[in-house]
Amino acid sequence: MKLSLRYFASVREAIGTASETIDTEATTLGALREQLIDRGGRHAEALSRERALRMAIDQVMADETTALREGAEVAFFPPVTGG
């Protein structure tokens, strides 16, 4: 399935792009994250399991068990805090 990926803040800086479109066979958000980590390099560093990371599908917060759907927009970003 085709997905639009968006990266924000430090994730965007680490990967070096704000967005990309990919074809994937991943069925969940967690499987997609693993696929991107497996690319190695910047993706592995930015999306590492060692880093705190938030994710959303079509602008709705989601967890790793959330199912993906054709044409979805998936966003990755660091947790934010307010003060």
N, C-alpha and C. Protein backbone atom coordinates (compact mmCIF):
# COMPACT_ATOMS: atom_id res chain seq x y z
N MET A 1 0.84 -1.18 0.00
CA MET A 1 0.00 0.00 0.00
C MET A 1 0.88 1.24 0.00
N LYS A 2 0.35 2.30 -0.53
CA LYS A 2 1.08 3.56 -0.61
C LYS A 2 0.71 4.43 0.58
N LEU A 3 1.73 4.99 1.25
CA LEU A 3 1.55 5.85 2.41
C LEU A 3 2.35 7.14 2.23
N SER A 4 1.85 8.22 2.80
CA SER A 4 2.59 9.47 2.88
C SER A 4 3.17 9.56 4.28
N LEU A 5 4.48 9.75 4.37
CA LEU A 5 5.13 9.88 5.67
C LEU A 5 5.54 11.32 5.88
N ARG A 6 5.35 11.79 7.11
CA ARG A 6 5.76 13.15 7.47
C ARG A 6 6.61 13.06 8.73
N TYR A 7 7.68 13.82 8.74
CA TYR A 7 8.60 13.84 9.87
C TYR A 7 8.65 15.25 10.42
N PHE A 8 8.67 15.37 11.75
CA PHE A 8 8.65 16.68 12.39
C PHE A 8 9.79 16.85 13.38
N ALA A 9 10.19 18.10 13.56
CA ALA A 9 11.15 18.53 14.58
C ALA A 9 12.47 17.75 14.45
N SER A 10 12.96 17.19 15.55
CA SER A 10 14.26 16.52 15.54
C SER A 10 14.26 15.27 14.65
N VAL A 11 13.12 14.64 14.46
CA VAL A 11 13.04 13.48 13.56
C VAL A 11 13.31 13.95 12.12
N ARG A 12 12.69 15.04 11.73
CA ARG A 12 12.91 15.61 10.39
C ARG A 12 14.38 15.98 10.21
N GLU A 13 14.96 16.61 11.21
CA GLU A 13 16.37 17.01 11.12
C GLU A 13 17.28 15.80 10.98
N ALA A 14 17.01 14.75 11.74
CA ALA A 14 17.86 13.56 11.71
C ALA A 14 17.74 12.82 10.38
N ILE A 15 16.53 12.74 9.82
CA ILE A 15 16.34 12.01 8.56
C ILE A 15 16.75 12.86 7.36
N GLY A 16 16.58 14.16 7.48
CA GLY A 16 17.01 15.05 6.41
C GLY A 16 15.92 15.38 5.40
N THR A 17 14.68 15.04 5.71
CA THR A 17 13.56 15.38 4.84
C THR A 17 12.30 15.53 5.69
N ALA A 18 11.36 16.32 5.22
CA ALA A 18 10.11 16.53 5.95
C ALA A 18 9.05 15.51 5.57
N SER A 19 9.18 14.91 4.37
CA SER A 19 8.15 13.97 3.94
C SER A 19 8.67 13.05 2.85
N GLU A 20 7.95 11.96 2.67
CA GLU A 20 8.23 11.03 1.58
C GLU A 20 7.01 10.16 1.38
N THR A 21 6.91 9.56 0.22
CA THR A 21 5.84 8.61 -0.08
C THR A 21 6.50 7.26 -0.29
N ILE A 22 5.92 6.22 0.34
CA ILE A 22 6.49 4.89 0.21
C ILE A 22 5.42 3.88 -0.11
N ASP A 23 5.85 2.76 -0.67
CA ASP A 23 5.01 1.58 -0.82
C ASP A 23 5.46 0.59 0.24
N THR A 24 4.52 0.00 0.95
CA THR A 24 4.85 -0.92 2.03
C THR A 24 3.86 -2.06 2.10
N GLU A 25 4.30 -3.15 2.66
CA GLU A 25 3.42 -4.27 2.95
C GLU A 25 3.13 -4.34 4.45
N ALA A 26 3.66 -3.38 5.22
CA ALA A 26 3.40 -3.34 6.66
C ALA A 26 1.90 -3.15 6.89
N THR A 27 1.39 -3.81 7.91
CA THR A 27 -0.05 -3.70 8.20
C THR A 27 -0.33 -2.90 9.45
N THR A 28 0.70 -2.66 10.27
CA THR A 28 0.52 -1.86 11.48
C THR A 28 1.58 -0.77 11.54
N LEU A 29 1.33 0.19 12.38
CA LEU A 29 2.28 1.28 12.57
C LEU A 29 3.61 0.76 13.09
N GLY A 30 3.58 -0.20 14.00
CA GLY A 30 4.80 -0.79 14.53
C GLY A 30 5.62 -1.49 13.46
N ALA A 31 4.94 -2.22 12.57
CA ALA A 31 5.64 -2.91 11.48
C ALA A 31 6.25 -1.91 10.52
N LEU A 32 5.56 -0.80 10.28
CA LEU A 32 6.11 0.25 9.42
C LEU A 32 7.35 0.85 10.05
N ARG A 33 7.30 1.13 11.34
CA ARG A 33 8.47 1.68 12.03
C ARG A 33 9.66 0.73 11.90
N GLU A 34 9.42 -0.56 12.08
CA GLU A 34 10.50 -1.54 11.93
C GLU A 34 11.07 -1.54 10.51
N GLN A 35 10.20 -1.46 9.52
CA GLN A 35 10.65 -1.42 8.13
C GLN A 35 11.54 -0.21 7.90
N LEU A 36 11.15 0.93 8.44
CA LEU A 36 11.95 2.14 8.26
C LEU A 36 13.28 2.05 9.01
N ILE A 37 13.27 1.46 10.20
CA ILE A 37 14.51 1.25 10.96
C ILE A 37 15.45 0.35 10.17
N ASP A 38 14.88 -0.67 9.54
CA ASP A 38 15.69 -1.62 8.77
C ASP A 38 16.37 -0.99 7.56
N ARG A 39 15.95 0.19 7.16
CA ARG A 39 16.64 0.91 6.08
C ARG A 39 18.06 1.25 6.49
N GLY A 40 18.25 1.36 7.80
CA GLY A 40 19.57 1.73 8.31
C GLY A 40 19.79 3.23 8.23
N GLY A 41 21.00 3.65 8.47
CA GLY A 41 21.39 5.04 8.35
C GLY A 41 20.55 6.00 9.17
N ARG A 42 20.15 7.08 8.54
CA ARG A 42 19.41 8.14 9.23
C ARG A 42 18.07 7.67 9.76
N HIS A 43 17.37 6.82 9.01
CA HIS A 43 16.07 6.32 9.47
C HIS A 43 16.24 5.48 10.74
N ALA A 44 17.25 4.63 10.75
CA ALA A 44 17.48 3.78 11.93
C ALA A 44 17.77 4.62 13.16
N GLU A 45 18.54 5.66 12.98
CA GLU A 45 18.88 6.54 14.11
C GLU A 45 17.66 7.32 14.60
N ALA A 46 16.95 7.94 13.67
CA ALA A 46 15.83 8.82 14.04
C ALA A 46 14.64 8.06 14.61
N LEU A 47 14.40 6.84 14.15
CA LEU A 47 13.21 6.08 14.57
C LEU A 47 13.54 4.94 15.52
N SER A 48 14.75 4.91 16.03
CA SER A 48 15.23 3.86 16.92
C SER A 48 14.27 3.60 18.07
N ARG A 49 14.21 2.36 18.48
CA ARG A 49 13.39 1.97 19.65
C ARG A 49 13.91 2.62 20.93
N GLU A 50 15.14 3.07 20.91
CA GLU A 50 15.75 3.72 22.07
C GLU A 50 15.24 5.16 22.26
N ARG A 51 14.65 5.72 21.23
CA ARG A 51 14.19 7.10 21.28
C ARG A 51 12.69 7.17 21.56
N ALA A 52 12.31 8.14 22.38
CA ALA A 52 10.88 8.40 22.60
C ALA A 52 10.33 8.98 21.30
N LEU A 53 9.19 8.48 20.87
CA LEU A 53 8.65 8.88 19.58
C LEU A 53 7.13 8.82 19.64
N ARG A 54 6.49 9.81 19.08
CA ARG A 54 5.02 9.83 18.95
C ARG A 54 4.69 9.59 17.49
N MET A 55 3.50 9.03 17.26
CA MET A 55 3.08 8.72 15.90
C MET A 55 1.61 9.05 15.74
N ALA A 56 1.23 9.38 14.53
CA ALA A 56 -0.17 9.68 14.23
C ALA A 56 -0.49 9.16 12.83
N ILE A 57 -1.76 8.79 12.65
CA ILE A 57 -2.26 8.41 11.33
C ILE A 57 -3.40 9.36 11.00
N ASP A 58 -3.29 10.02 9.88
CA ASP A 58 -4.28 11.01 9.45
C ASP A 58 -4.62 12.00 10.57
N GLN A 59 -3.57 12.48 11.23
CA GLN A 59 -3.64 13.51 12.26
C GLN A 59 -4.35 13.06 13.54
N VAL A 60 -4.40 11.74 13.77
CA VAL A 60 -4.96 11.19 15.01
C VAL A 60 -3.86 10.38 15.67
N MET A 61 -3.57 10.68 16.94
CA MET A 61 -2.53 9.95 17.67
C MET A 61 -2.81 8.45 17.59
N ALA A 62 -1.75 7.67 17.43
CA ALA A 62 -1.90 6.23 17.27
C ALA A 62 -0.76 5.51 17.98
N ASP A 63 -0.98 4.23 18.27
CA ASP A 63 0.10 3.43 18.85
C ASP A 63 0.54 2.39 17.82
N GLU A 64 1.51 1.59 18.20
CA GLU A 64 2.12 0.67 17.25
C GLU A 64 1.18 -0.43 16.76
N THR A 65 0.09 -0.67 17.46
CA THR A 65 -0.85 -1.71 17.03
C THR A 65 -1.89 -1.20 16.04
N THR A 66 -1.89 0.10 15.79
CA THR A 66 -2.88 0.69 14.89
C THR A 66 -2.66 0.20 13.45
N ALA A 67 -3.75 -0.23 12.83
CA ALA A 67 -3.70 -0.73 11.45
C ALA A 67 -3.49 0.41 10.47
N LEU A 68 -2.70 0.14 9.45
CA LEU A 68 -2.48 1.09 8.37
C LEU A 68 -3.54 0.89 7.29
N ARG A 69 -3.80 1.94 6.53
CA ARG A 69 -4.74 1.83 5.41
C ARG A 69 -4.17 2.59 4.21
N GLU A 70 -4.53 2.12 3.04
CA GLU A 70 -4.06 2.70 1.79
C GLU A 70 -4.27 4.21 1.79
N GLY A 71 -3.22 4.94 1.40
CA GLY A 71 -3.31 6.38 1.25
C GLY A 71 -3.21 7.18 2.54
N ALA A 72 -2.98 6.52 3.66
CA ALA A 72 -2.92 7.22 4.94
C ALA A 72 -1.68 8.12 5.02
N GLU A 73 -1.80 9.16 5.83
CA GLU A 73 -0.67 10.01 6.16
C GLU A 73 -0.18 9.60 7.55
N VAL A 74 1.07 9.21 7.63
CA VAL A 74 1.67 8.77 8.89
C VAL A 74 2.69 9.81 9.32
N ALA A 75 2.58 10.28 10.55
CA ALA A 75 3.50 11.29 11.06
C ALA A 75 4.32 10.73 12.22
N PHE A 76 5.59 11.09 12.25
CA PHE A 76 6.50 10.72 13.33
C PHE A 76 7.06 12.01 13.93
N PHE A 77 7.04 12.12 15.25
CA PHE A 77 7.55 13.32 15.89
C PHE A 77 7.94 13.02 17.33
N PRO A 78 8.85 13.82 17.89
CA PRO A 78 9.25 13.62 19.28
C PRO A 78 8.13 14.08 20.21
N PRO A 79 8.10 13.52 21.42
CA PRO A 79 7.11 14.02 22.38
C PRO A 79 7.38 15.48 22.68
N VAL A 80 6.34 16.22 22.93
CA VAL A 80 6.49 17.64 23.25
C VAL A 80 5.98 17.88 24.67
N THR A 81 6.57 18.86 25.31
CA THR A 81 6.10 19.22 26.65
C THR A 81 5.76 20.69 26.66
N GLY A 82 4.86 21.03 27.48
CA GLY A 82 4.47 22.43 27.60
C GLY A 82 4.91 22.97 28.95
N GLY A 83 4.89 24.25 29.09
CA GLY A 83 5.34 24.78 30.35
C GLY A 83 4.56 25.90 30.79
